[in-house]
Amino acid sequence: MAPLIKDSSLPTSIISYANNKLKPRKIQLTNILNSKISNSFKSLSSAVSYITEIDRSSDRSTMRKYINSGKPYRKNWIISEIE
């Protein structure tokens, strides 16, 4: 678990932003063509590794852009963040 930033000299909005950026994102991968390989993960890194195993390649920065966009990544995957 990421450490919380507790610096009273920083504005609350910066502290909140920093704490959210440090938390891993829970990710749901939904395969449009084969629902049996859809899965959820504790982090984006885990999701990237999973897609790499199945599709032989993936790009973390590109996947990040597709989170919650509703657009399919690599024509097969819908990527969403889980609360």
N, C-alpha and C. Protein backbone atom coordinates (compact mmCIF):
# COMPACT_ATOMS: atom_id res chain seq x y z
N MET A 1 0.84 -1.17 0.00
CA MET A 1 0.00 0.00 0.00
C MET A 1 0.89 1.24 0.00
N ALA A 2 0.51 2.23 -0.77
CA ALA A 2 1.31 3.45 -0.89
C ALA A 2 1.19 4.29 0.37
N PRO A 3 2.27 4.94 0.75
CA PRO A 3 2.21 5.81 1.94
C PRO A 3 1.40 7.05 1.63
N LEU A 4 0.67 7.53 2.61
CA LEU A 4 -0.10 8.76 2.44
C LEU A 4 0.80 9.96 2.64
N ILE A 5 0.56 10.98 1.87
CA ILE A 5 1.34 12.21 2.01
C ILE A 5 0.66 13.07 3.06
N LYS A 6 1.39 13.42 4.08
CA LYS A 6 0.85 14.21 5.18
C LYS A 6 1.76 15.41 5.41
N ASP A 7 1.61 16.42 4.60
CA ASP A 7 2.41 17.62 4.72
C ASP A 7 1.45 18.80 4.78
N SER A 8 1.31 19.39 5.97
CA SER A 8 0.33 20.46 6.16
C SER A 8 0.68 21.72 5.38
N SER A 9 1.90 21.81 4.84
CA SER A 9 2.27 23.00 4.07
C SER A 9 1.75 22.92 2.63
N LEU A 10 1.30 21.74 2.19
CA LEU A 10 0.79 21.59 0.84
C LEU A 10 -0.73 21.81 0.81
N PRO A 11 -1.23 22.42 -0.26
CA PRO A 11 -2.69 22.56 -0.38
C PRO A 11 -3.36 21.19 -0.43
N THR A 12 -4.58 21.11 0.09
CA THR A 12 -5.32 19.85 0.16
C THR A 12 -5.47 19.20 -1.20
N SER A 13 -5.69 19.98 -2.26
CA SER A 13 -5.89 19.41 -3.59
C SER A 13 -4.64 18.68 -4.09
N ILE A 14 -3.47 19.21 -3.76
CA ILE A 14 -2.22 18.56 -4.17
C ILE A 14 -2.02 17.27 -3.38
N ILE A 15 -2.31 17.28 -2.11
CA ILE A 15 -2.18 16.07 -1.29
C ILE A 15 -3.12 14.99 -1.80
N SER A 16 -4.36 15.35 -2.07
CA SER A 16 -5.35 14.39 -2.57
C SER A 16 -4.90 13.81 -3.91
N TYR A 17 -4.44 14.66 -4.82
CA TYR A 17 -3.97 14.21 -6.13
C TYR A 17 -2.79 13.25 -5.98
N ALA A 18 -1.84 13.60 -5.14
CA ALA A 18 -0.65 12.76 -4.94
C ALA A 18 -1.03 11.41 -4.36
N ASN A 19 -1.92 11.38 -3.40
CA ASN A 19 -2.35 10.12 -2.80
C ASN A 19 -3.05 9.23 -3.82
N ASN A 20 -3.89 9.81 -4.67
CA ASN A 20 -4.58 9.03 -5.70
C ASN A 20 -3.62 8.50 -6.75
N LYS A 21 -2.59 9.25 -7.09
CA LYS A 21 -1.62 8.81 -8.09
C LYS A 21 -0.77 7.66 -7.56
N LEU A 22 -0.60 7.56 -6.24
CA LEU A 22 0.22 6.52 -5.67
C LEU A 22 -0.52 5.19 -5.53
N LYS A 23 -1.85 5.23 -5.49
CA LYS A 23 -2.62 4.01 -5.32
C LYS A 23 -2.67 3.23 -6.62
N PRO A 24 -2.49 1.91 -6.57
CA PRO A 24 -2.63 1.12 -7.79
C PRO A 24 -4.09 1.14 -8.25
N ARG A 25 -4.27 1.12 -9.56
CA ARG A 25 -5.61 1.12 -10.13
C ARG A 25 -6.07 -0.31 -10.32
N LYS A 26 -7.26 -0.63 -9.84
CA LYS A 26 -7.85 -1.94 -10.08
C LYS A 26 -8.47 -1.90 -11.47
N ILE A 27 -8.12 -2.87 -12.29
CA ILE A 27 -8.48 -2.85 -13.70
C ILE A 27 -9.33 -4.06 -14.08
N GLN A 28 -10.38 -3.82 -14.85
CA GLN A 28 -11.19 -4.88 -15.44
C GLN A 28 -10.91 -4.93 -16.93
N LEU A 29 -10.47 -6.10 -17.42
CA LEU A 29 -10.26 -6.30 -18.84
C LEU A 29 -11.41 -7.17 -19.35
N THR A 30 -12.13 -6.67 -20.34
CA THR A 30 -13.23 -7.41 -20.94
C THR A 30 -12.88 -7.68 -22.38
N ASN A 31 -12.78 -8.95 -22.74
CA ASN A 31 -12.48 -9.31 -24.12
C ASN A 31 -13.80 -9.38 -24.88
N ILE A 32 -13.91 -8.61 -25.96
CA ILE A 32 -15.13 -8.51 -26.74
C ILE A 32 -15.41 -9.82 -27.48
N LEU A 33 -14.38 -10.49 -27.93
CA LEU A 33 -14.54 -11.69 -28.75
C LEU A 33 -14.66 -12.98 -27.94
N ASN A 34 -14.05 -13.01 -26.76
CA ASN A 34 -14.05 -14.23 -25.95
C ASN A 34 -14.16 -13.86 -24.47
N SER A 35 -15.36 -13.88 -23.94
CA SER A 35 -15.58 -13.46 -22.56
C SER A 35 -14.89 -14.37 -21.54
N LYS A 36 -14.52 -15.59 -21.95
CA LYS A 36 -13.85 -16.52 -21.03
C LYS A 36 -12.47 -16.04 -20.60
N ILE A 37 -11.84 -15.16 -21.41
CA ILE A 37 -10.51 -14.67 -21.04
C ILE A 37 -10.56 -13.28 -20.41
N SER A 38 -11.77 -12.76 -20.18
CA SER A 38 -11.92 -11.49 -19.46
C SER A 38 -11.50 -11.72 -18.02
N ASN A 39 -10.95 -10.67 -17.38
CA ASN A 39 -10.42 -10.85 -16.03
C ASN A 39 -10.28 -9.50 -15.35
N SER A 40 -10.13 -9.50 -14.03
CA SER A 40 -9.85 -8.28 -13.29
C SER A 40 -8.50 -8.40 -12.61
N PHE A 41 -7.86 -7.24 -12.37
CA PHE A 41 -6.49 -7.21 -11.86
C PHE A 41 -6.33 -6.14 -10.79
N LYS A 42 -5.34 -6.34 -9.93
CA LYS A 42 -5.07 -5.39 -8.85
C LYS A 42 -4.33 -4.15 -9.32
N SER A 43 -3.72 -4.22 -10.51
CA SER A 43 -2.96 -3.07 -11.00
C SER A 43 -2.92 -3.07 -12.53
N LEU A 44 -2.57 -1.93 -13.08
CA LEU A 44 -2.42 -1.81 -14.53
C LEU A 44 -1.26 -2.68 -15.00
N SER A 45 -0.21 -2.77 -14.22
CA SER A 45 0.94 -3.61 -14.59
C SER A 45 0.53 -5.06 -14.76
N SER A 46 -0.30 -5.56 -13.86
CA SER A 46 -0.78 -6.94 -13.96
C SER A 46 -1.62 -7.13 -15.22
N ALA A 47 -2.45 -6.15 -15.54
CA ALA A 47 -3.29 -6.22 -16.74
C ALA A 47 -2.43 -6.22 -18.00
N VAL A 48 -1.38 -5.39 -18.00
CA VAL A 48 -0.45 -5.35 -19.14
C VAL A 48 0.20 -6.72 -19.33
N SER A 49 0.66 -7.32 -18.26
CA SER A 49 1.29 -8.64 -18.33
C SER A 49 0.33 -9.68 -18.88
N TYR A 50 -0.92 -9.63 -18.45
CA TYR A 50 -1.93 -10.59 -18.91
C TYR A 50 -2.17 -10.45 -20.42
N ILE A 51 -2.35 -9.24 -20.91
CA ILE A 51 -2.57 -9.04 -22.33
C ILE A 51 -1.34 -9.46 -23.12
N THR A 52 -0.16 -9.20 -22.59
CA THR A 52 1.08 -9.61 -23.26
C THR A 52 1.13 -11.14 -23.40
N GLU A 53 0.70 -11.87 -22.37
CA GLU A 53 0.67 -13.33 -22.44
C GLU A 53 -0.27 -13.81 -23.54
N ILE A 54 -1.41 -13.14 -23.69
CA ILE A 54 -2.42 -13.59 -24.64
C ILE A 54 -2.14 -13.08 -26.06
N ASP A 55 -1.85 -11.79 -26.19
CA ASP A 55 -1.70 -11.17 -27.51
C ASP A 55 -0.25 -11.00 -27.95
N ARG A 56 0.68 -11.42 -27.12
CA ARG A 56 2.12 -11.35 -27.41
C ARG A 56 2.72 -9.95 -27.28
N SER A 57 1.88 -8.92 -27.15
CA SER A 57 2.42 -7.57 -26.92
C SER A 57 1.33 -6.67 -26.36
N SER A 58 1.75 -5.65 -25.65
CA SER A 58 0.85 -4.60 -25.16
C SER A 58 1.70 -3.40 -24.79
N ASP A 59 1.07 -2.27 -24.66
CA ASP A 59 1.78 -1.04 -24.35
C ASP A 59 1.08 -0.34 -23.19
N ARG A 60 1.77 -0.23 -22.09
CA ARG A 60 1.20 0.33 -20.86
C ARG A 60 0.67 1.75 -21.05
N SER A 61 1.44 2.60 -21.70
CA SER A 61 1.01 4.00 -21.85
C SER A 61 -0.22 4.09 -22.75
N THR A 62 -0.30 3.26 -23.77
CA THR A 62 -1.47 3.26 -24.64
C THR A 62 -2.67 2.70 -23.89
N MET A 63 -2.46 1.63 -23.13
CA MET A 63 -3.55 1.06 -22.34
C MET A 63 -4.12 2.09 -21.37
N ARG A 64 -3.25 2.87 -20.77
CA ARG A 64 -3.69 3.90 -19.81
C ARG A 64 -4.67 4.87 -20.48
N LYS A 65 -4.44 5.19 -21.75
CA LYS A 65 -5.32 6.10 -22.48
C LYS A 65 -6.70 5.50 -22.73
N TYR A 66 -6.79 4.18 -22.77
CA TYR A 66 -8.04 3.49 -23.05
C TYR A 66 -8.90 3.21 -21.81
N ILE A 67 -8.35 3.43 -20.63
CA ILE A 67 -9.10 3.16 -19.40
C ILE A 67 -10.33 4.07 -19.36
N ASN A 68 -11.48 3.44 -19.19
CA ASN A 68 -12.78 4.11 -19.09
C ASN A 68 -13.17 4.90 -20.34
N SER A 69 -12.51 4.68 -21.47
CA SER A 69 -12.87 5.41 -22.69
C SER A 69 -14.03 4.75 -23.43
N GLY A 70 -14.22 3.46 -23.18
CA GLY A 70 -15.26 2.72 -23.90
C GLY A 70 -14.82 2.25 -25.28
N LYS A 71 -13.64 2.69 -25.70
CA LYS A 71 -13.10 2.28 -27.00
C LYS A 71 -12.29 1.00 -26.82
N PRO A 72 -12.38 0.07 -27.77
CA PRO A 72 -11.61 -1.17 -27.63
C PRO A 72 -10.11 -0.96 -27.85
N TYR A 73 -9.33 -1.53 -26.96
CA TYR A 73 -7.87 -1.55 -27.09
C TYR A 73 -7.51 -2.77 -27.92
N ARG A 74 -6.72 -2.60 -28.96
CA ARG A 74 -6.29 -3.67 -29.86
C ARG A 74 -7.48 -4.41 -30.47
N LYS A 75 -8.59 -3.71 -30.62
CA LYS A 75 -9.83 -4.20 -31.23
C LYS A 75 -10.52 -5.31 -30.45
N ASN A 76 -9.95 -5.74 -29.33
CA ASN A 76 -10.52 -6.86 -28.57
C ASN A 76 -10.85 -6.57 -27.12
N TRP A 77 -10.23 -5.55 -26.53
CA TRP A 77 -10.30 -5.36 -25.08
C TRP A 77 -10.96 -4.04 -24.70
N ILE A 78 -11.89 -4.10 -23.75
CA ILE A 78 -12.43 -2.90 -23.10
C ILE A 78 -11.74 -2.84 -21.73
N ILE A 79 -11.14 -1.71 -21.43
CA ILE A 79 -10.39 -1.56 -20.18
C ILE A 79 -11.12 -0.56 -19.29
N SER A 80 -11.46 -0.98 -18.08
CA SER A 80 -12.15 -0.10 -17.14
C SER A 80 -11.50 -0.17 -15.77
N GLU A 81 -11.62 0.93 -15.08
CA GLU A 81 -11.11 0.98 -13.70
C GLU A 81 -12.22 0.55 -12.76
N ILE A 82 -11.87 -0.27 -11.77
CA ILE A 82 -12.82 -0.75 -10.76
C ILE A 82 -12.59 0.04 -9.49
N GLU A 83 -13.64 0.49 -8.88
CA GLU A 83 -13.52 1.23 -7.61
C GLU A 83 -13.25 0.31 -6.47
